[in-house]
Amino acid sequence: MPRPTPAQITYGSATVVFSALAMLLFAQPGAGFGTALIALASLALGLLVALTAPASRTTGRAPRGNTAGAREQRAPLSAESRVGEHSLHR
């Protein structure tokens, strides 16, 4: 599962805070069930916003200096040659 970007976390958090404040101001619920319902609705709305926020567009780009042709020319490494490598190295 990909990690959320800082923008997604920011949008989701801001949505939770502002939607909770708006609903509490307009509904003016007493303590108890109404407040809990507003809190759950705000969290659900924040999660929805965070999940639908656009992800970073830099994931599909190749690093500078590498072209598709250069990557195709490289021979795949055998399992024996990769034994000491870190899992995120490649």
C-alpha atoms as a PDB file:
ATOM      1  CA  MET A   1       0.000   0.000   0.000  1.00  0.00           C
ATOM      2  CA  PRO A   2       1.521   3.350  -0.985  1.00  0.00           C
ATOM      3  CA  ARG A   3       2.200   5.904   1.717  1.00  0.00           C
ATOM      4  CA  PRO A   4       0.040   9.047   1.674  1.00  0.00           C
ATOM      5  CA  THR A   5       1.700  12.210   0.447  1.00  0.00           C
ATOM      6  CA  PRO A   6       2.000  15.261   2.706  1.00  0.00           C
ATOM      7  CA  ALA A   7      -0.637  17.006   0.591  1.00  0.00           C
ATOM      8  CA  GLN A   8      -3.117  14.180   1.142  1.00  0.00           C
ATOM      9  CA  ILE A   9      -2.517  14.257   4.898  1.00  0.00           C
ATOM     10  CA  THR A  10      -2.916  18.039   4.964  1.00  0.00           C
ATOM     11  CA  TYR A  11      -6.136  18.034   2.916  1.00  0.00           C
ATOM     12  CA  GLY A  12      -7.651  15.256   5.006  1.00  0.00           C
ATOM     13  CA  SER A  13      -6.735  16.875   8.334  1.00  0.00           C
ATOM     14  CA  ALA A  14      -8.009  20.285   7.279  1.00  0.00           C
ATOM     15  CA  THR A  15     -11.251  18.721   6.100  1.00  0.00           C
ATOM     16  CA  VAL A  16     -11.772  16.989   9.450  1.00  0.00           C
ATOM     17  CA  VAL A  17     -11.161  20.153  11.461  1.00  0.00           C
ATOM     18  CA  PHE A  18     -13.203  22.550   9.329  1.00  0.00           C
ATOM     19  CA  SER A  19     -16.111  20.191   8.709  1.00  0.00           C
ATOM     20  CA  ALA A  20     -16.357  19.371  12.420  1.00  0.00           C
ATOM     21  CA  LEU A  21     -16.349  23.080  13.338  1.00  0.00           C
ATOM     22  CA  ALA A  22     -18.946  23.913  10.707  1.00  0.00           C
ATOM     23  CA  MET A  23     -21.270  21.073  11.692  1.00  0.00           C
ATOM     24  CA  LEU A  24     -20.921  21.861  15.398  1.00  0.00           C
ATOM     25  CA  LEU A  25     -21.691  25.546  14.798  1.00  0.00           C
ATOM     26  CA  PHE A  26     -24.700  24.916  12.569  1.00  0.00           C
ATOM     27  CA  ALA A  27     -26.221  21.923  14.379  1.00  0.00           C
ATOM     28  CA  GLN A  28     -25.417  23.042  17.949  1.00  0.00           C
ATOM     29  CA  PRO A  29     -25.796  19.565  19.390  1.00  0.00           C
ATOM     30  CA  GLY A  30     -25.788  18.883  23.097  1.00  0.00           C
ATOM     31  CA  ALA A  31     -23.184  16.641  24.667  1.00  0.00           C
ATOM     32  CA  GLY A  32     -23.423  12.990  23.720  1.00  0.00           C
ATOM     33  CA  PHE A  33     -24.802  11.287  20.657  1.00  0.00           C
ATOM     34  CA  GLY A  34     -24.985  14.331  18.361  1.00  0.00           C
ATOM     35  CA  THR A  35     -21.385  15.324  18.992  1.00  0.00           C
ATOM     36  CA  ALA A  36     -20.162  11.765  18.464  1.00  0.00           C
ATOM     37  CA  LEU A  37     -22.108  11.534  15.212  1.00  0.00           C
ATOM     38  CA  ILE A  38     -20.578  14.805  13.968  1.00  0.00           C
ATOM     39  CA  ALA A  39     -17.089  13.594  14.915  1.00  0.00           C
ATOM     40  CA  LEU A  40     -17.580  10.335  12.999  1.00  0.00           C
ATOM     41  CA  ALA A  41     -18.976  12.163   9.977  1.00  0.00           C
ATOM     42  CA  SER A  42     -16.014  14.569   9.981  1.00  0.00           C
ATOM     43  CA  LEU A  43     -13.517  11.711  10.159  1.00  0.00           C
ATOM     44  CA  ALA A  44     -15.243   9.871   7.314  1.00  0.00           C
ATOM     45  CA  LEU A  45     -15.285  13.011   5.178  1.00  0.00           C
ATOM     46  CA  GLY A  46     -11.597  13.684   5.909  1.00  0.00           C
ATOM     47  CA  LEU A  47     -10.676  10.132   4.952  1.00  0.00           C
ATOM     48  CA  LEU A  48     -12.640  10.437   1.715  1.00  0.00           C
ATOM     49  CA  VAL A  49     -10.883  13.695   0.827  1.00  0.00           C
ATOM     50  CA  ALA A  50      -7.447  12.271   1.655  1.00  0.00           C
ATOM     51  CA  LEU A  51      -8.012   9.188  -0.486  1.00  0.00           C
ATOM     52  CA  THR A  52      -9.314  11.110  -3.487  1.00  0.00           C
ATOM     53  CA  ALA A  53      -6.658  13.858  -3.397  1.00  0.00           C
ATOM     54  CA  PRO A  54      -4.305  13.549  -6.352  1.00  0.00           C
ATOM     55  CA  ALA A  55      -1.061  11.718  -5.648  1.00  0.00           C
ATOM     56  CA  SER A  56       2.355  13.014  -6.623  1.00  0.00           C
ATOM     57  CA  ARG A  57       2.959  13.050 -10.367  1.00  0.00           C
ATOM     58  CA  THR A  58       6.706  12.436 -10.114  1.00  0.00           C
ATOM     59  CA  THR A  59       6.350   8.668  -9.647  1.00  0.00           C
ATOM     60  CA  GLY A  60       6.158   7.903 -13.374  1.00  0.00           C
ATOM     61  CA  ARG A  61       9.250   9.865 -14.389  1.00  0.00           C
ATOM     62  CA  ALA A  62      12.633   8.283 -14.982  1.00  0.00           C
ATOM     63  CA  PRO A  63      15.581   9.734 -13.067  1.00  0.00           C
ATOM     64  CA  ARG A  64      17.790  12.206 -14.911  1.00  0.00           C
ATOM     65  CA  GLY A  65      20.396  10.650 -17.156  1.00  0.00           C
ATOM     66  CA  ASN A  66      18.585   7.341 -17.493  1.00  0.00           C
ATOM     67  CA  THR A  67      16.768   6.624 -20.692  1.00  0.00           C
ATOM     68  CA  ALA A  68      14.596   3.693 -21.550  1.00  0.00           C
ATOM     69  CA  GLY A  69      17.292   2.371 -23.880  1.00  0.00           C
ATOM     70  CA  ALA A  70      19.920   2.402 -21.136  1.00  0.00           C
ATOM     71  CA  ARG A  71      17.687   0.401 -18.833  1.00  0.00           C
ATOM     72  CA  GLU A  72      16.986  -2.200 -21.511  1.00  0.00           C
ATOM     73  CA  GLN A  73      20.694  -2.743 -22.195  1.00  0.00           C
ATOM     74  CA  ARG A  74      21.398  -3.715 -18.594  1.00  0.00           C
ATOM     75  CA  ALA A  75      21.385  -7.466 -18.036  1.00  0.00           C
ATOM     76  CA  PRO A  76      19.164  -8.756 -15.220  1.00  0.00           C
ATOM     77  CA  LEU A  77      21.065  -9.805 -12.106  1.00  0.00           C
ATOM     78  CA  SER A  78      20.916 -13.402 -10.946  1.00  0.00           C
ATOM     79  CA  ALA A  79      19.700 -14.280  -7.464  1.00  0.00           C
ATOM     80  CA  GLU A  80      23.237 -15.198  -6.351  1.00  0.00           C
ATOM     81  CA  SER A  81      24.618 -11.763  -7.243  1.00  0.00           C
ATOM     82  CA  ARG A  82      21.876  -9.982  -5.266  1.00  0.00           C
ATOM     83  CA  VAL A  83      22.295 -11.837  -1.972  1.00  0.00           C
ATOM     84  CA  GLY A  84      23.978  -8.971  -0.077  1.00  0.00           C
ATOM     85  CA  GLU A  85      21.837  -6.186  -1.537  1.00  0.00           C
ATOM     86  CA  HIS A  86      19.304  -4.223   0.424  1.00  0.00           C
ATOM     87  CA  SER A  87      15.702  -4.881  -0.579  1.00  0.00           C
ATOM     88  CA  LEU A  88      15.120  -1.233  -1.539  1.00  0.00           C
ATOM     89  CA  HIS A  89      18.469  -0.818  -3.274  1.00  0.00           C
ATOM     90  CA  ARG A  90      17.208  -1.445  -6.793  1.00  0.00           C
END
